[in-house]
N, C-alpha and C. Protein backbone atom coordinates (compact mmCIF):
# COMPACT_ATOMS: atom_id res chain seq x y z
N UNK A 1 24.55 -27.12 5.63
CA UNK A 1 24.97 -25.74 5.77
C UNK A 1 25.08 -25.11 4.38
N UNK A 2 24.61 -23.88 4.28
CA UNK A 2 24.66 -23.17 3.01
C UNK A 2 26.06 -22.64 2.75
N UNK A 3 26.47 -22.74 1.52
CA UNK A 3 27.74 -22.16 1.11
C UNK A 3 27.52 -21.47 -0.23
N UNK A 4 27.88 -20.19 -0.29
CA UNK A 4 27.70 -19.44 -1.52
C UNK A 4 28.50 -20.09 -2.64
N UNK A 5 27.87 -20.19 -3.80
CA UNK A 5 28.54 -20.78 -4.95
C UNK A 5 29.32 -19.70 -5.67
N UNK A 6 30.66 -19.88 -5.78
CA UNK A 6 31.40 -18.91 -6.57
C UNK A 6 31.00 -19.02 -8.02
N UNK A 7 30.98 -17.87 -8.70
CA UNK A 7 30.56 -17.92 -10.09
C UNK A 7 31.41 -16.98 -10.92
N UNK A 8 32.01 -17.50 -11.96
CA UNK A 8 32.89 -16.71 -12.80
C UNK A 8 32.29 -16.42 -14.16
N UNK A 9 31.01 -16.71 -14.36
CA UNK A 9 30.37 -16.50 -15.65
C UNK A 9 30.02 -15.03 -15.87
N UNK A 10 29.11 -14.79 -16.79
CA UNK A 10 28.67 -13.42 -17.06
C UNK A 10 27.89 -12.89 -15.88
N UNK A 11 27.70 -11.61 -15.88
CA UNK A 11 26.95 -10.97 -14.80
C UNK A 11 25.53 -11.51 -14.74
N UNK A 12 24.87 -11.66 -15.88
CA UNK A 12 23.49 -12.17 -15.88
C UNK A 12 23.46 -13.62 -15.40
N UNK A 13 24.47 -14.41 -15.72
CA UNK A 13 24.53 -15.79 -15.22
C UNK A 13 24.73 -15.79 -13.70
N UNK A 14 25.51 -14.84 -13.20
CA UNK A 14 25.71 -14.74 -11.75
C UNK A 14 24.40 -14.37 -11.08
N UNK A 15 23.63 -13.45 -11.68
CA UNK A 15 22.34 -13.08 -11.11
C UNK A 15 21.40 -14.29 -11.08
N UNK A 16 21.39 -15.07 -12.14
CA UNK A 16 20.55 -16.28 -12.17
C UNK A 16 20.97 -17.25 -11.07
N UNK A 17 22.27 -17.37 -10.85
CA UNK A 17 22.78 -18.24 -9.79
C UNK A 17 22.31 -17.77 -8.41
N UNK A 18 22.33 -16.47 -8.19
CA UNK A 18 21.87 -15.92 -6.91
C UNK A 18 20.38 -16.19 -6.71
N UNK A 19 19.59 -16.03 -7.77
CA UNK A 19 18.16 -16.32 -7.66
C UNK A 19 17.92 -17.79 -7.35
N UNK A 20 18.70 -18.65 -7.94
CA UNK A 20 18.61 -20.08 -7.65
C UNK A 20 18.96 -20.37 -6.19
N UNK A 21 20.01 -19.72 -5.71
CA UNK A 21 20.41 -19.89 -4.31
C UNK A 21 19.33 -19.38 -3.37
N UNK A 22 18.71 -18.24 -3.72
CA UNK A 22 17.63 -17.70 -2.90
C UNK A 22 16.48 -18.70 -2.81
N UNK A 23 16.09 -19.25 -3.94
CA UNK A 23 15.02 -20.24 -3.94
C UNK A 23 15.34 -21.43 -3.05
N UNK A 24 16.58 -21.90 -3.11
CA UNK A 24 16.99 -23.04 -2.29
C UNK A 24 16.98 -22.68 -0.80
N UNK A 25 17.40 -21.46 -0.46
CA UNK A 25 17.41 -21.04 0.94
C UNK A 25 16.00 -20.94 1.52
N UNK A 26 15.04 -20.49 0.72
CA UNK A 26 13.69 -20.26 1.24
C UNK A 26 12.77 -21.46 1.09
N UNK A 27 13.17 -22.44 0.32
CA UNK A 27 12.31 -23.58 0.04
C UNK A 27 11.90 -24.29 1.33
N UNK A 28 10.61 -24.35 1.55
CA UNK A 28 10.07 -25.06 2.71
C UNK A 28 10.15 -24.31 4.02
N UNK A 29 10.70 -23.10 4.02
CA UNK A 29 10.81 -22.33 5.27
C UNK A 29 9.65 -21.34 5.38
N UNK A 30 8.76 -21.55 6.36
CA UNK A 30 7.60 -20.68 6.48
C UNK A 30 7.85 -19.38 7.27
N UNK A 31 8.98 -19.27 7.96
CA UNK A 31 9.21 -18.13 8.83
C UNK A 31 9.74 -16.93 8.03
N UNK A 32 8.99 -15.83 8.05
CA UNK A 32 9.36 -14.64 7.28
C UNK A 32 10.68 -14.05 7.74
N UNK A 33 10.90 -13.99 9.05
CA UNK A 33 12.15 -13.40 9.56
C UNK A 33 13.36 -14.20 9.08
N UNK A 34 13.27 -15.52 9.14
CA UNK A 34 14.38 -16.36 8.68
C UNK A 34 14.65 -16.14 7.20
N UNK A 35 13.59 -16.08 6.40
CA UNK A 35 13.75 -15.88 4.96
C UNK A 35 14.34 -14.50 4.64
N UNK A 36 13.89 -13.47 5.33
CA UNK A 36 14.41 -12.13 5.11
C UNK A 36 15.87 -12.02 5.56
N UNK A 37 16.20 -12.66 6.66
CA UNK A 37 17.59 -12.63 7.15
C UNK A 37 18.53 -13.30 6.15
N UNK A 38 18.14 -14.48 5.68
CA UNK A 38 18.98 -15.16 4.69
C UNK A 38 19.05 -14.39 3.37
N UNK A 39 17.95 -13.79 2.96
CA UNK A 39 17.94 -13.02 1.71
C UNK A 39 18.87 -11.82 1.80
N UNK A 40 18.86 -11.11 2.92
CA UNK A 40 19.73 -9.95 3.06
C UNK A 40 21.20 -10.38 3.12
N UNK A 41 21.49 -11.50 3.78
CA UNK A 41 22.87 -12.00 3.84
C UNK A 41 23.34 -12.41 2.45
N UNK A 42 22.47 -13.07 1.69
CA UNK A 42 22.83 -13.50 0.33
C UNK A 42 23.13 -12.29 -0.55
N UNK A 43 22.32 -11.26 -0.46
CA UNK A 43 22.55 -10.06 -1.26
C UNK A 43 23.87 -9.39 -0.89
N UNK A 44 24.11 -9.22 0.39
CA UNK A 44 25.34 -8.55 0.84
C UNK A 44 26.56 -9.34 0.37
N UNK A 45 26.47 -10.65 0.39
CA UNK A 45 27.55 -11.52 -0.05
C UNK A 45 27.74 -11.47 -1.57
N UNK A 46 26.64 -11.29 -2.29
CA UNK A 46 26.65 -11.41 -3.75
C UNK A 46 26.86 -10.10 -4.51
N UNK A 47 26.61 -8.97 -3.87
CA UNK A 47 26.70 -7.68 -4.57
C UNK A 47 27.93 -6.91 -4.10
N UNK A 48 28.93 -6.82 -4.94
CA UNK A 48 30.14 -6.07 -4.56
C UNK A 48 29.83 -4.58 -4.43
N UNK A 49 30.66 -3.91 -3.68
CA UNK A 49 30.57 -2.46 -3.52
C UNK A 49 29.22 -2.00 -2.96
N UNK A 50 28.70 -2.76 -2.01
CA UNK A 50 27.51 -2.34 -1.28
C UNK A 50 27.86 -2.26 0.20
N UNK A 51 27.22 -1.34 0.90
CA UNK A 51 27.49 -1.21 2.33
C UNK A 51 26.26 -1.48 3.20
N UNK A 52 25.11 -1.73 2.57
CA UNK A 52 23.90 -2.06 3.33
C UNK A 52 22.95 -2.80 2.41
N UNK A 53 22.38 -3.88 2.90
CA UNK A 53 21.37 -4.63 2.15
C UNK A 53 20.37 -5.18 3.15
N UNK A 54 19.11 -4.84 2.94
CA UNK A 54 18.12 -5.34 3.88
C UNK A 54 16.71 -4.90 3.55
N UNK A 55 15.86 -5.05 4.54
CA UNK A 55 14.43 -4.87 4.35
C UNK A 55 13.84 -3.92 5.38
N UNK A 56 12.87 -3.16 4.91
CA UNK A 56 11.97 -2.42 5.78
C UNK A 56 10.59 -2.99 5.53
N UNK A 57 9.86 -3.27 6.60
CA UNK A 57 8.54 -3.89 6.50
C UNK A 57 7.44 -2.89 6.83
N UNK A 58 6.38 -2.92 6.06
CA UNK A 58 5.25 -2.01 6.25
C UNK A 58 4.35 -2.55 7.34
N UNK A 59 4.11 -1.74 8.37
CA UNK A 59 3.27 -2.19 9.50
C UNK A 59 1.84 -1.65 9.40
N UNK A 60 1.47 -1.12 8.23
CA UNK A 60 0.14 -0.55 8.06
C UNK A 60 0.15 0.96 8.17
N UNK A 61 1.24 1.50 8.70
CA UNK A 61 1.36 2.95 8.88
C UNK A 61 2.67 3.48 8.31
N UNK A 62 3.77 2.78 8.58
CA UNK A 62 5.10 3.23 8.17
C UNK A 62 6.00 2.03 7.93
N UNK A 63 7.19 2.29 7.42
CA UNK A 63 8.18 1.23 7.22
C UNK A 63 8.99 1.06 8.50
N UNK A 64 9.17 -0.20 8.91
CA UNK A 64 9.91 -0.51 10.13
C UNK A 64 11.08 -1.42 9.75
N UNK A 65 12.23 -1.14 10.32
CA UNK A 65 13.44 -1.90 10.03
C UNK A 65 13.23 -3.39 10.22
N UNK A 66 13.67 -4.16 9.22
CA UNK A 66 13.63 -5.61 9.28
C UNK A 66 15.05 -6.16 9.20
N UNK A 67 15.20 -7.44 8.89
CA UNK A 67 16.53 -8.03 8.78
C UNK A 67 17.39 -7.31 7.73
N UNK A 68 18.68 -7.16 8.06
CA UNK A 68 19.60 -6.46 7.17
C UNK A 68 21.04 -6.87 7.45
N UNK A 69 21.93 -6.45 6.56
CA UNK A 69 23.36 -6.60 6.71
C UNK A 69 23.96 -5.21 6.52
N UNK A 70 24.72 -4.75 7.49
CA UNK A 70 25.35 -3.44 7.40
C UNK A 70 25.34 -2.75 8.74
N UNK A 71 25.64 -1.45 8.73
CA UNK A 71 25.66 -0.67 9.96
C UNK A 71 24.24 -0.50 10.50
N UNK A 72 24.11 -0.22 11.80
CA UNK A 72 22.79 0.07 12.35
C UNK A 72 22.09 1.13 11.50
N UNK A 73 20.77 1.01 11.41
CA UNK A 73 20.01 1.83 10.47
C UNK A 73 18.85 2.54 11.14
N UNK A 74 18.27 3.46 10.40
CA UNK A 74 17.05 4.14 10.84
C UNK A 74 15.99 3.07 11.12
N UNK A 75 15.25 3.24 12.18
CA UNK A 75 14.28 2.21 12.58
C UNK A 75 12.94 2.39 11.89
N UNK A 76 12.45 3.62 11.78
CA UNK A 76 11.14 3.88 11.18
C UNK A 76 11.25 4.93 10.09
N UNK A 77 10.57 4.67 8.96
CA UNK A 77 10.56 5.60 7.85
C UNK A 77 9.10 5.81 7.42
N UNK A 78 8.63 7.05 7.48
CA UNK A 78 7.26 7.33 7.03
C UNK A 78 7.12 7.14 5.52
N UNK A 79 5.94 6.71 5.09
CA UNK A 79 5.69 6.61 3.65
C UNK A 79 5.85 7.99 3.02
N UNK A 80 6.47 8.01 1.86
CA UNK A 80 6.68 9.26 1.15
C UNK A 80 7.93 10.02 1.56
N UNK A 81 8.67 9.52 2.55
CA UNK A 81 9.88 10.20 3.02
C UNK A 81 11.12 9.41 2.60
N UNK A 82 12.11 10.12 2.11
CA UNK A 82 13.36 9.48 1.70
C UNK A 82 13.14 8.55 0.51
N UNK A 83 14.19 7.85 0.13
CA UNK A 83 14.10 6.95 -1.02
C UNK A 83 13.19 5.76 -0.69
N UNK A 84 13.36 5.17 0.49
CA UNK A 84 12.54 4.00 0.86
C UNK A 84 11.06 4.36 0.95
N UNK A 85 10.75 5.43 1.66
CA UNK A 85 9.35 5.82 1.82
C UNK A 85 8.70 6.23 0.52
N UNK A 86 9.46 6.85 -0.37
CA UNK A 86 8.94 7.24 -1.68
C UNK A 86 8.68 6.02 -2.55
N UNK A 87 9.63 5.09 -2.60
CA UNK A 87 9.45 3.87 -3.39
C UNK A 87 8.24 3.08 -2.87
N UNK A 88 8.08 3.03 -1.56
CA UNK A 88 6.95 2.31 -0.97
C UNK A 88 5.62 2.98 -1.32
N UNK A 89 5.55 4.29 -1.16
CA UNK A 89 4.28 4.98 -1.41
C UNK A 89 3.91 4.95 -2.89
N UNK A 90 4.91 5.01 -3.77
CA UNK A 90 4.65 4.98 -5.21
C UNK A 90 4.62 3.55 -5.77
N UNK A 91 5.02 2.59 -4.93
CA UNK A 91 5.08 1.17 -5.32
C UNK A 91 5.83 0.98 -6.64
N UNK A 92 6.99 1.62 -6.69
CA UNK A 92 7.85 1.45 -7.86
C UNK A 92 9.31 1.49 -7.43
N UNK A 93 10.14 0.81 -8.19
CA UNK A 93 11.56 0.76 -7.90
C UNK A 93 12.18 2.13 -8.15
N UNK A 94 13.02 2.55 -7.22
CA UNK A 94 13.78 3.78 -7.39
C UNK A 94 15.26 3.46 -7.40
N UNK A 95 15.94 3.91 -8.44
CA UNK A 95 17.39 3.81 -8.54
C UNK A 95 17.92 5.23 -8.44
N UNK A 96 18.69 5.51 -7.39
CA UNK A 96 19.18 6.86 -7.14
C UNK A 96 20.70 6.85 -7.23
N UNK A 97 21.21 7.51 -8.26
CA UNK A 97 22.65 7.53 -8.50
C UNK A 97 23.43 8.35 -7.50
N UNK A 98 22.80 9.39 -6.97
CA UNK A 98 23.43 10.25 -5.97
C UNK A 98 22.37 10.59 -4.92
N UNK A 99 22.44 9.89 -3.80
CA UNK A 99 21.40 10.07 -2.77
C UNK A 99 21.40 11.48 -2.18
N UNK A 100 22.54 12.15 -2.24
CA UNK A 100 22.62 13.49 -1.66
C UNK A 100 21.84 14.51 -2.49
N UNK A 101 21.53 14.15 -3.73
CA UNK A 101 20.73 15.02 -4.59
C UNK A 101 19.24 14.67 -4.54
N UNK A 102 18.88 13.60 -3.81
CA UNK A 102 17.47 13.18 -3.72
C UNK A 102 16.76 14.04 -2.68
N UNK A 103 15.67 14.71 -3.06
CA UNK A 103 14.95 15.56 -2.11
C UNK A 103 14.44 14.74 -0.92
N UNK A 104 14.79 15.18 0.29
CA UNK A 104 14.31 14.51 1.49
C UNK A 104 15.05 13.23 1.83
N UNK A 105 16.23 13.02 1.24
CA UNK A 105 17.00 11.80 1.53
C UNK A 105 17.23 11.68 3.03
N UNK A 106 17.04 10.47 3.56
CA UNK A 106 17.29 10.19 4.97
C UNK A 106 18.66 9.51 5.05
N UNK A 107 19.60 10.16 5.68
CA UNK A 107 20.98 9.64 5.74
C UNK A 107 21.16 8.77 6.97
N UNK A 108 20.95 7.46 6.80
CA UNK A 108 21.18 6.53 7.90
C UNK A 108 22.67 6.19 8.00
N UNK A 109 23.36 6.15 6.88
CA UNK A 109 24.80 5.87 6.83
C UNK A 109 25.43 6.92 5.93
N UNK A 110 26.25 7.76 6.50
CA UNK A 110 26.87 8.85 5.74
C UNK A 110 27.73 8.36 4.59
N UNK A 111 28.18 7.10 4.65
CA UNK A 111 29.03 6.55 3.59
C UNK A 111 28.23 6.22 2.32
N UNK A 112 26.92 6.12 2.43
CA UNK A 112 26.10 5.76 1.27
C UNK A 112 26.01 6.91 0.28
N UNK A 113 26.25 6.60 -0.99
CA UNK A 113 26.18 7.59 -2.05
C UNK A 113 25.16 7.26 -3.13
N UNK A 114 24.80 5.98 -3.27
CA UNK A 114 23.76 5.58 -4.21
C UNK A 114 22.90 4.51 -3.56
N UNK A 115 21.71 4.33 -4.13
CA UNK A 115 20.74 3.44 -3.48
C UNK A 115 19.75 2.92 -4.51
N UNK A 116 19.30 1.69 -4.27
CA UNK A 116 18.18 1.14 -5.03
C UNK A 116 17.18 0.60 -4.02
N UNK A 117 15.92 0.92 -4.24
CA UNK A 117 14.85 0.45 -3.36
C UNK A 117 13.77 -0.19 -4.22
N UNK A 118 13.42 -1.43 -3.89
CA UNK A 118 12.42 -2.19 -4.63
C UNK A 118 11.27 -2.52 -3.69
N UNK A 119 10.04 -2.09 -4.02
CA UNK A 119 8.90 -2.42 -3.17
C UNK A 119 8.62 -3.92 -3.15
N UNK A 120 8.20 -4.40 -2.01
CA UNK A 120 7.73 -5.78 -1.85
C UNK A 120 6.21 -5.71 -1.83
N UNK A 121 5.57 -6.30 -2.84
CA UNK A 121 4.11 -6.25 -2.91
C UNK A 121 3.55 -7.64 -3.22
N UNK A 122 2.36 -7.89 -2.69
CA UNK A 122 1.57 -9.07 -3.04
C UNK A 122 0.23 -8.53 -3.53
N UNK A 123 0.00 -8.66 -4.83
CA UNK A 123 -1.21 -8.07 -5.41
C UNK A 123 -1.15 -6.57 -5.24
N UNK A 124 -2.13 -6.00 -4.53
CA UNK A 124 -2.15 -4.56 -4.26
C UNK A 124 -1.60 -4.23 -2.88
N UNK A 125 -1.21 -5.24 -2.13
CA UNK A 125 -0.80 -5.06 -0.73
C UNK A 125 0.70 -4.79 -0.61
N UNK A 126 1.06 -3.67 0.01
CA UNK A 126 2.45 -3.32 0.27
C UNK A 126 2.93 -4.11 1.48
N UNK A 127 4.03 -4.85 1.32
CA UNK A 127 4.62 -5.60 2.42
C UNK A 127 5.83 -4.88 3.02
N UNK A 128 6.54 -4.13 2.17
CA UNK A 128 7.74 -3.44 2.61
C UNK A 128 8.60 -3.09 1.43
N UNK A 129 9.90 -2.92 1.68
CA UNK A 129 10.84 -2.63 0.60
C UNK A 129 12.15 -3.38 0.82
N UNK A 130 12.81 -3.65 -0.28
CA UNK A 130 14.20 -4.13 -0.30
C UNK A 130 15.05 -2.88 -0.54
N UNK A 131 16.04 -2.66 0.29
CA UNK A 131 16.88 -1.46 0.21
C UNK A 131 18.34 -1.87 0.14
N UNK A 132 19.06 -1.35 -0.84
CA UNK A 132 20.49 -1.63 -0.97
C UNK A 132 21.21 -0.32 -1.21
N UNK A 133 22.26 -0.09 -0.42
CA UNK A 133 23.06 1.13 -0.51
C UNK A 133 24.47 0.81 -0.95
N UNK A 134 25.11 1.80 -1.56
CA UNK A 134 26.50 1.67 -1.98
C UNK A 134 27.26 2.96 -1.69
N UNK A 135 28.54 2.84 -1.35
CA UNK A 135 29.34 4.04 -1.18
C UNK A 135 29.76 4.66 -2.53
N UNK A 136 29.46 3.96 -3.62
CA UNK A 136 29.85 4.42 -4.96
C UNK A 136 28.66 5.08 -5.65
N UNK A 137 28.86 6.28 -6.14
CA UNK A 137 27.79 6.96 -6.87
C UNK A 137 27.48 6.20 -8.15
N UNK A 138 26.20 6.19 -8.51
CA UNK A 138 25.71 5.54 -9.74
C UNK A 138 26.11 4.06 -9.81
N UNK A 139 26.07 3.38 -8.68
CA UNK A 139 26.48 1.98 -8.57
C UNK A 139 25.50 1.02 -9.27
N UNK A 140 24.21 1.33 -9.27
CA UNK A 140 23.18 0.39 -9.72
C UNK A 140 22.71 0.73 -11.14
N UNK A 141 22.65 -0.31 -11.99
CA UNK A 141 22.23 -0.10 -13.38
C UNK A 141 20.91 -0.83 -13.65
N UNK A 142 20.46 -0.77 -14.88
CA UNK A 142 19.16 -1.34 -15.24
C UNK A 142 19.15 -2.86 -15.15
N UNK A 143 20.25 -3.51 -15.51
CA UNK A 143 20.31 -4.98 -15.40
C UNK A 143 20.18 -5.40 -13.94
N UNK A 144 20.85 -4.69 -13.07
CA UNK A 144 20.76 -5.01 -11.64
C UNK A 144 19.37 -4.70 -11.10
N UNK A 145 18.75 -3.63 -11.60
CA UNK A 145 17.37 -3.32 -11.20
C UNK A 145 16.44 -4.48 -11.53
N UNK A 146 16.54 -5.00 -12.75
CA UNK A 146 15.68 -6.13 -13.15
C UNK A 146 15.94 -7.35 -12.27
N UNK A 147 17.20 -7.63 -12.00
CA UNK A 147 17.56 -8.75 -11.13
C UNK A 147 16.94 -8.56 -9.74
N UNK A 148 17.10 -7.38 -9.16
CA UNK A 148 16.60 -7.13 -7.81
C UNK A 148 15.08 -7.12 -7.75
N UNK A 149 14.42 -6.72 -8.83
CA UNK A 149 12.96 -6.82 -8.87
C UNK A 149 12.52 -8.28 -8.86
N UNK A 150 13.23 -9.14 -9.55
CA UNK A 150 12.91 -10.57 -9.51
C UNK A 150 13.20 -11.15 -8.13
N UNK A 151 14.31 -10.74 -7.53
CA UNK A 151 14.69 -11.17 -6.19
C UNK A 151 13.59 -10.78 -5.19
N UNK A 152 13.16 -9.50 -5.26
CA UNK A 152 12.13 -9.01 -4.35
C UNK A 152 10.81 -9.73 -4.54
N UNK A 153 10.46 -10.06 -5.79
CA UNK A 153 9.21 -10.80 -6.04
C UNK A 153 9.26 -12.18 -5.41
N UNK A 154 10.42 -12.83 -5.48
CA UNK A 154 10.56 -14.15 -4.86
C UNK A 154 10.40 -14.04 -3.35
N UNK A 155 10.98 -13.02 -2.76
CA UNK A 155 10.88 -12.81 -1.30
C UNK A 155 9.43 -12.50 -0.93
N UNK A 156 8.78 -11.63 -1.68
CA UNK A 156 7.39 -11.26 -1.37
C UNK A 156 6.47 -12.47 -1.42
N UNK A 157 6.78 -13.46 -2.23
CA UNK A 157 5.94 -14.65 -2.33
C UNK A 157 5.97 -15.52 -1.08
N UNK A 158 7.01 -15.35 -0.23
CA UNK A 158 7.14 -16.24 0.93
C UNK A 158 7.04 -15.54 2.28
N UNK A 159 6.79 -14.22 2.27
CA UNK A 159 6.67 -13.56 3.58
C UNK A 159 5.24 -13.14 3.85
């Protein structure tokens, strides 16, 4: 049984620990749903002050809700719409300090005030996005962006 490792070191050491835990959780598991479910649970457990952590998967046309931790969410997001759809269509990480100021923001949870979305890609192929929301404005910084990009790359390698 998996048990999260408590970590009292620096923030970057904690991020390294989470990446190590992610690798251990996914090692040898071929099922994408199982890996995404565990990855979203690990993130929700590991990132304080977040209210949603999960995945939207690209079905060839739009983003469709995948495994997540948090309140029920929007099921389908068109490419180019909202933070998730924009990050997916541009294939770049978006860190939004105040989602209410983002043009076309899709409010799935009214409590969310900031968001980070990291595209999941293999080569040139879009697989989906990693989406994390927080009730705190400007919650996500550059160090966390780099960590989550590494996290997303590890997930993209196994789904």
